[in-house]
N, C-alpha and C. Protein backbone atom coordinates (compact mmCIF):
# COMPACT_ATOMS: atom_id res chain seq x y z
N UNK A 1 0.84 -1.17 0.00
CA UNK A 1 0.00 0.00 0.00
C UNK A 1 0.90 1.24 0.00
N UNK A 2 0.57 2.20 -0.84
CA UNK A 2 1.37 3.41 -0.96
C UNK A 2 0.62 4.59 -0.34
N UNK A 3 1.36 5.46 0.30
CA UNK A 3 0.75 6.66 0.86
C UNK A 3 1.22 7.89 0.09
N UNK A 4 1.50 7.70 -1.20
CA UNK A 4 1.92 8.82 -2.03
C UNK A 4 1.04 8.93 -3.26
N UNK A 5 1.02 10.14 -3.82
CA UNK A 5 0.38 10.40 -5.10
C UNK A 5 1.39 11.15 -5.94
N UNK A 6 1.32 10.97 -7.25
CA UNK A 6 2.20 11.69 -8.15
C UNK A 6 1.37 12.35 -9.24
N UNK A 7 1.85 13.54 -9.63
CA UNK A 7 1.19 14.29 -10.70
C UNK A 7 2.21 15.23 -11.30
N UNK A 8 2.37 15.17 -12.62
CA UNK A 8 3.30 16.02 -13.35
C UNK A 8 4.70 15.99 -12.74
N UNK A 9 5.10 14.84 -12.21
CA UNK A 9 6.43 14.68 -11.64
C UNK A 9 6.55 15.06 -10.18
N UNK A 10 5.52 15.68 -9.60
CA UNK A 10 5.53 16.04 -8.18
C UNK A 10 4.98 14.88 -7.36
N UNK A 11 5.50 14.73 -6.16
CA UNK A 11 5.06 13.67 -5.26
C UNK A 11 4.50 14.29 -3.99
N UNK A 12 3.43 13.70 -3.51
CA UNK A 12 2.82 14.14 -2.25
C UNK A 12 2.63 12.93 -1.35
N UNK A 13 2.91 13.13 -0.06
CA UNK A 13 2.60 12.13 0.94
C UNK A 13 1.18 12.37 1.41
N UNK A 14 0.42 11.30 1.55
CA UNK A 14 -0.98 11.38 1.95
C UNK A 14 -1.16 10.63 3.27
N UNK A 15 -1.85 11.26 4.21
CA UNK A 15 -2.19 10.62 5.49
C UNK A 15 -3.66 10.82 5.76
N UNK A 16 -4.21 9.92 6.56
CA UNK A 16 -5.61 10.06 6.97
C UNK A 16 -5.64 10.69 8.36
N UNK A 17 -6.43 11.75 8.50
CA UNK A 17 -6.60 12.42 9.78
C UNK A 17 -7.93 11.96 10.37
N UNK A 18 -7.85 11.04 11.35
CA UNK A 18 -9.06 10.46 11.93
C UNK A 18 -9.88 11.50 12.68
N UNK A 19 -9.21 12.46 13.29
CA UNK A 19 -9.93 13.48 14.06
C UNK A 19 -10.83 14.32 13.15
N UNK A 20 -10.30 14.73 12.01
CA UNK A 20 -11.07 15.55 11.07
C UNK A 20 -11.79 14.71 10.01
N UNK A 21 -11.54 13.40 10.02
CA UNK A 21 -12.13 12.47 9.07
C UNK A 21 -11.90 12.90 7.62
N UNK A 22 -10.62 13.18 7.33
CA UNK A 22 -10.27 13.54 5.96
C UNK A 22 -8.83 13.13 5.68
N UNK A 23 -8.50 13.13 4.41
CA UNK A 23 -7.13 12.88 3.98
C UNK A 23 -6.41 14.21 3.89
N UNK A 24 -5.13 14.21 4.27
CA UNK A 24 -4.31 15.41 4.19
C UNK A 24 -3.05 15.05 3.40
N UNK A 25 -2.69 15.90 2.47
CA UNK A 25 -1.51 15.66 1.66
C UNK A 25 -0.54 16.81 1.73
N UNK A 26 0.75 16.49 1.53
CA UNK A 26 1.79 17.51 1.47
C UNK A 26 2.75 17.16 0.35
N UNK A 27 2.97 18.13 -0.52
CA UNK A 27 3.91 17.94 -1.62
C UNK A 27 5.33 18.02 -1.05
N UNK A 28 6.18 17.11 -1.49
CA UNK A 28 7.57 17.10 -1.04
C UNK A 28 8.47 17.51 -2.20
N UNK A 29 9.65 18.01 -1.84
CA UNK A 29 10.62 18.36 -2.86
C UNK A 29 10.52 19.79 -3.35
N UNK A 30 9.77 20.63 -2.66
CA UNK A 30 9.72 22.04 -3.02
C UNK A 30 10.10 22.86 -1.80
N UNK A 31 10.57 24.07 -2.04
CA UNK A 31 10.89 24.93 -0.90
C UNK A 31 9.62 25.59 -0.36
N UNK A 32 8.53 25.45 -1.08
CA UNK A 32 7.25 25.99 -0.65
C UNK A 32 6.43 24.91 0.04
N UNK A 33 5.67 25.29 1.03
CA UNK A 33 4.79 24.34 1.70
C UNK A 33 3.50 24.26 0.91
N UNK A 34 3.21 23.08 0.40
CA UNK A 34 2.00 22.86 -0.39
C UNK A 34 1.21 21.76 0.30
N UNK A 35 0.12 22.15 0.95
CA UNK A 35 -0.72 21.21 1.71
C UNK A 35 -2.13 21.28 1.15
N UNK A 36 -2.79 20.14 1.11
CA UNK A 36 -4.15 20.06 0.58
C UNK A 36 -4.88 18.95 1.30
N UNK A 37 -6.20 18.90 1.16
CA UNK A 37 -6.96 17.84 1.82
C UNK A 37 -8.16 17.44 0.98
N UNK A 38 -8.86 16.43 1.47
CA UNK A 38 -10.07 15.95 0.81
C UNK A 38 -10.71 14.86 1.63
N UNK A 39 -12.00 14.68 1.46
CA UNK A 39 -12.71 13.67 2.25
C UNK A 39 -12.79 12.32 1.54
N UNK A 40 -12.37 12.28 0.28
CA UNK A 40 -12.35 11.01 -0.46
C UNK A 40 -11.07 10.96 -1.27
N UNK A 41 -10.75 9.79 -1.77
CA UNK A 41 -9.57 9.64 -2.61
C UNK A 41 -9.71 10.50 -3.86
N UNK A 42 -10.88 10.48 -4.48
CA UNK A 42 -11.09 11.30 -5.68
C UNK A 42 -10.92 12.79 -5.38
N UNK A 43 -11.45 13.24 -4.23
CA UNK A 43 -11.36 14.66 -3.89
C UNK A 43 -9.92 15.07 -3.59
N UNK A 44 -9.18 14.23 -2.86
CA UNK A 44 -7.80 14.63 -2.55
C UNK A 44 -6.94 14.60 -3.81
N UNK A 45 -7.20 13.65 -4.69
CA UNK A 45 -6.44 13.62 -5.95
C UNK A 45 -6.74 14.88 -6.77
N UNK A 46 -8.00 15.25 -6.87
CA UNK A 46 -8.39 16.47 -7.61
C UNK A 46 -7.74 17.70 -6.99
N UNK A 47 -7.78 17.80 -5.66
CA UNK A 47 -7.19 18.96 -4.98
C UNK A 47 -5.67 19.00 -5.16
N UNK A 48 -5.02 17.84 -5.13
CA UNK A 48 -3.57 17.75 -5.37
C UNK A 48 -3.25 18.27 -6.77
N UNK A 49 -3.97 17.77 -7.76
CA UNK A 49 -3.72 18.18 -9.14
C UNK A 49 -3.97 19.67 -9.34
N UNK A 50 -5.02 20.20 -8.71
CA UNK A 50 -5.30 21.64 -8.80
C UNK A 50 -4.18 22.46 -8.15
N UNK A 51 -3.67 21.99 -7.01
CA UNK A 51 -2.57 22.71 -6.35
C UNK A 51 -1.33 22.75 -7.24
N UNK A 52 -1.02 21.62 -7.87
CA UNK A 52 0.16 21.57 -8.75
C UNK A 52 -0.07 22.44 -9.98
N UNK A 53 -1.27 22.41 -10.54
CA UNK A 53 -1.57 23.26 -11.70
C UNK A 53 -1.48 24.74 -11.34
N UNK A 54 -1.85 25.09 -10.10
CA UNK A 54 -1.82 26.49 -9.63
C UNK A 54 -0.46 26.91 -9.08
N UNK A 55 0.45 25.96 -8.87
CA UNK A 55 1.74 26.23 -8.23
C UNK A 55 2.55 27.32 -8.96
N UNK A 56 2.69 27.29 -10.29
CA UNK A 56 3.45 28.36 -10.95
C UNK A 56 2.86 29.75 -10.70
N UNK A 57 1.54 29.87 -10.70
CA UNK A 57 0.90 31.17 -10.44
C UNK A 57 1.13 31.61 -9.00
N UNK A 58 1.07 30.65 -8.06
CA UNK A 58 1.34 30.99 -6.66
C UNK A 58 2.76 31.53 -6.52
N UNK A 59 3.71 30.90 -7.18
CA UNK A 59 5.10 31.35 -7.12
C UNK A 59 5.26 32.72 -7.77
N UNK A 60 4.57 32.95 -8.89
CA UNK A 60 4.63 34.24 -9.56
C UNK A 60 4.13 35.35 -8.63
N UNK A 61 3.07 35.07 -7.87
CA UNK A 61 2.55 36.04 -6.91
C UNK A 61 3.59 36.38 -5.84
N UNK A 62 4.46 35.40 -5.52
CA UNK A 62 5.51 35.61 -4.53
C UNK A 62 6.80 36.12 -5.17
N UNK A 63 6.78 36.32 -6.49
CA UNK A 63 7.95 36.73 -7.26
C UNK A 63 9.10 35.73 -7.08
N UNK A 64 8.74 34.44 -7.14
CA UNK A 64 9.71 33.36 -7.00
C UNK A 64 9.52 32.36 -8.13
N UNK A 65 10.57 31.61 -8.39
CA UNK A 65 10.50 30.53 -9.37
C UNK A 65 9.97 29.27 -8.70
N UNK A 66 9.07 28.54 -9.35
CA UNK A 66 8.63 27.26 -8.78
C UNK A 66 9.75 26.23 -8.86
N UNK A 67 9.78 25.32 -7.91
CA UNK A 67 10.72 24.21 -7.97
C UNK A 67 10.25 23.24 -9.03
N UNK A 68 11.20 22.71 -9.78
CA UNK A 68 10.87 21.65 -10.72
C UNK A 68 10.64 20.37 -9.92
N UNK A 69 9.83 19.46 -10.45
CA UNK A 69 9.62 18.21 -9.72
C UNK A 69 10.91 17.43 -9.54
N UNK A 70 10.99 16.72 -8.45
CA UNK A 70 12.15 15.88 -8.16
C UNK A 70 12.03 14.63 -9.00
N UNK A 71 13.06 14.34 -9.78
CA UNK A 71 13.00 13.17 -10.66
C UNK A 71 13.88 12.03 -10.19
N UNK A 72 14.69 12.29 -9.16
CA UNK A 72 15.54 11.23 -8.64
C UNK A 72 14.76 10.33 -7.70
N UNK A 73 15.47 9.40 -7.10
CA UNK A 73 14.88 8.45 -6.17
C UNK A 73 14.22 9.20 -5.01
N UNK A 74 13.07 8.73 -4.62
CA UNK A 74 12.36 9.31 -3.48
C UNK A 74 12.58 8.41 -2.27
N UNK A 75 12.95 9.00 -1.17
CA UNK A 75 13.13 8.27 0.08
C UNK A 75 11.90 8.56 0.93
N UNK A 76 11.06 7.55 1.17
CA UNK A 76 9.83 7.81 1.94
C UNK A 76 10.13 8.08 3.41
N UNK A 77 9.89 9.30 3.82
CA UNK A 77 10.01 9.70 5.22
C UNK A 77 8.73 10.44 5.57
N UNK A 78 8.49 10.58 6.84
CA UNK A 78 7.27 11.27 7.26
C UNK A 78 7.35 12.74 6.83
N UNK A 79 6.22 13.35 6.55
CA UNK A 79 6.24 14.78 6.21
C UNK A 79 6.86 15.64 7.31
N UNK A 80 6.67 15.23 8.56
CA UNK A 80 7.25 15.99 9.68
C UNK A 80 8.77 15.95 9.63
N UNK A 81 9.34 14.76 9.40
CA UNK A 81 10.80 14.65 9.31
C UNK A 81 11.32 15.41 8.11
N UNK A 82 10.65 15.28 6.99
CA UNK A 82 11.08 15.99 5.79
C UNK A 82 11.07 17.50 6.04
N UNK A 83 10.04 18.00 6.71
CA UNK A 83 9.97 19.43 7.00
C UNK A 83 11.14 19.88 7.86
N UNK A 84 11.50 19.07 8.87
CA UNK A 84 12.64 19.41 9.74
C UNK A 84 13.93 19.41 8.94
N UNK A 85 14.13 18.40 8.10
CA UNK A 85 15.34 18.31 7.28
C UNK A 85 15.40 19.50 6.33
N UNK A 86 14.27 19.82 5.72
CA UNK A 86 14.21 20.93 4.77
C UNK A 86 14.55 22.26 5.43
N UNK A 87 13.98 22.50 6.62
CA UNK A 87 14.26 23.75 7.34
C UNK A 87 15.74 23.84 7.72
N UNK A 88 16.30 22.74 8.23
CA UNK A 88 17.71 22.72 8.65
C UNK A 88 18.62 22.92 7.44
N UNK A 89 18.29 22.26 6.33
CA UNK A 89 19.10 22.40 5.12
C UNK A 89 19.05 23.85 4.62
N UNK A 90 17.86 24.45 4.64
CA UNK A 90 17.75 25.84 4.21
C UNK A 90 18.57 26.75 5.14
N UNK A 91 18.49 26.51 6.43
CA UNK A 91 19.25 27.30 7.41
C UNK A 91 20.76 27.18 7.15
N UNK A 92 21.20 25.95 6.85
CA UNK A 92 22.62 25.69 6.59
C UNK A 92 23.04 26.10 5.18
N UNK A 93 22.07 26.43 4.33
CA UNK A 93 22.39 26.84 2.97
C UNK A 93 22.82 25.72 2.05
N UNK A 94 22.30 24.50 2.31
CA UNK A 94 22.63 23.36 1.46
C UNK A 94 21.34 22.74 0.92
N UNK A 95 21.38 22.16 -0.25
CA UNK A 95 20.20 21.48 -0.77
C UNK A 95 19.85 20.23 0.05
N UNK A 96 18.57 19.93 0.13
CA UNK A 96 18.13 18.71 0.83
C UNK A 96 18.80 17.50 0.21
N UNK A 97 18.96 17.52 -1.10
CA UNK A 97 19.60 16.39 -1.78
C UNK A 97 20.99 16.12 -1.20
N UNK A 98 21.75 17.18 -0.94
CA UNK A 98 23.09 17.03 -0.37
C UNK A 98 23.02 16.42 1.02
N UNK A 99 22.07 16.87 1.81
CA UNK A 99 21.89 16.32 3.16
C UNK A 99 21.60 14.83 3.08
N UNK A 100 20.68 14.45 2.19
CA UNK A 100 20.29 13.04 2.06
C UNK A 100 21.46 12.20 1.54
N UNK A 101 22.18 12.70 0.55
CA UNK A 101 23.31 11.95 0.01
C UNK A 101 24.39 11.76 1.08
N UNK A 102 24.65 12.79 1.85
CA UNK A 102 25.65 12.69 2.92
C UNK A 102 25.24 11.65 3.95
N UNK A 103 23.98 11.68 4.36
CA UNK A 103 23.49 10.71 5.35
C UNK A 103 23.55 9.29 4.80
N UNK A 104 23.17 9.10 3.55
CA UNK A 104 23.21 7.76 2.96
C UNK A 104 24.64 7.27 2.77
N UNK A 105 25.56 8.17 2.41
CA UNK A 105 26.96 7.78 2.28
C UNK A 105 27.53 7.33 3.62
N UNK A 106 27.21 8.06 4.69
CA UNK A 106 27.67 7.67 6.02
C UNK A 106 27.09 6.32 6.42
N UNK A 107 25.84 6.08 6.07
CA UNK A 107 25.19 4.83 6.42
C UNK A 107 25.88 3.64 5.74
N UNK A 108 26.15 3.75 4.45
CA UNK A 108 26.76 2.60 3.74
C UNK A 108 28.23 2.44 4.11
N UNK A 109 28.91 3.49 4.53
CA UNK A 109 30.31 3.37 4.96
C UNK A 109 30.43 2.55 6.24
N UNK A 110 29.40 2.56 7.05
CA UNK A 110 29.41 1.84 8.32
C UNK A 110 28.73 0.48 8.22
N UNK A 111 28.45 0.03 7.00
CA UNK A 111 27.77 -1.25 6.82
C UNK A 111 28.74 -2.40 6.95
């Protein structure tokens, strides 16, 4: 079972929120926070696709360039962990990709 959706090369992690009785999604791999929800699979997919279709216009309003979709391997981590890694990487001035590659290199060196 997968907890991700993909559209136009963008990937979103999807979770079910039992308290609100809805699905919540977050796009990963962008410097912008893109969150959406829906009460059914069809609705969350539609909302995800609409958010991605609207993403370039949202960035234009912020006078920023949209991130291109990530085409490399995706490492499934929780949205919370990804957000922490992303914030720390931005603070340190390094791409998330570099952080992930460094961590994976250290892991295989100690195997």
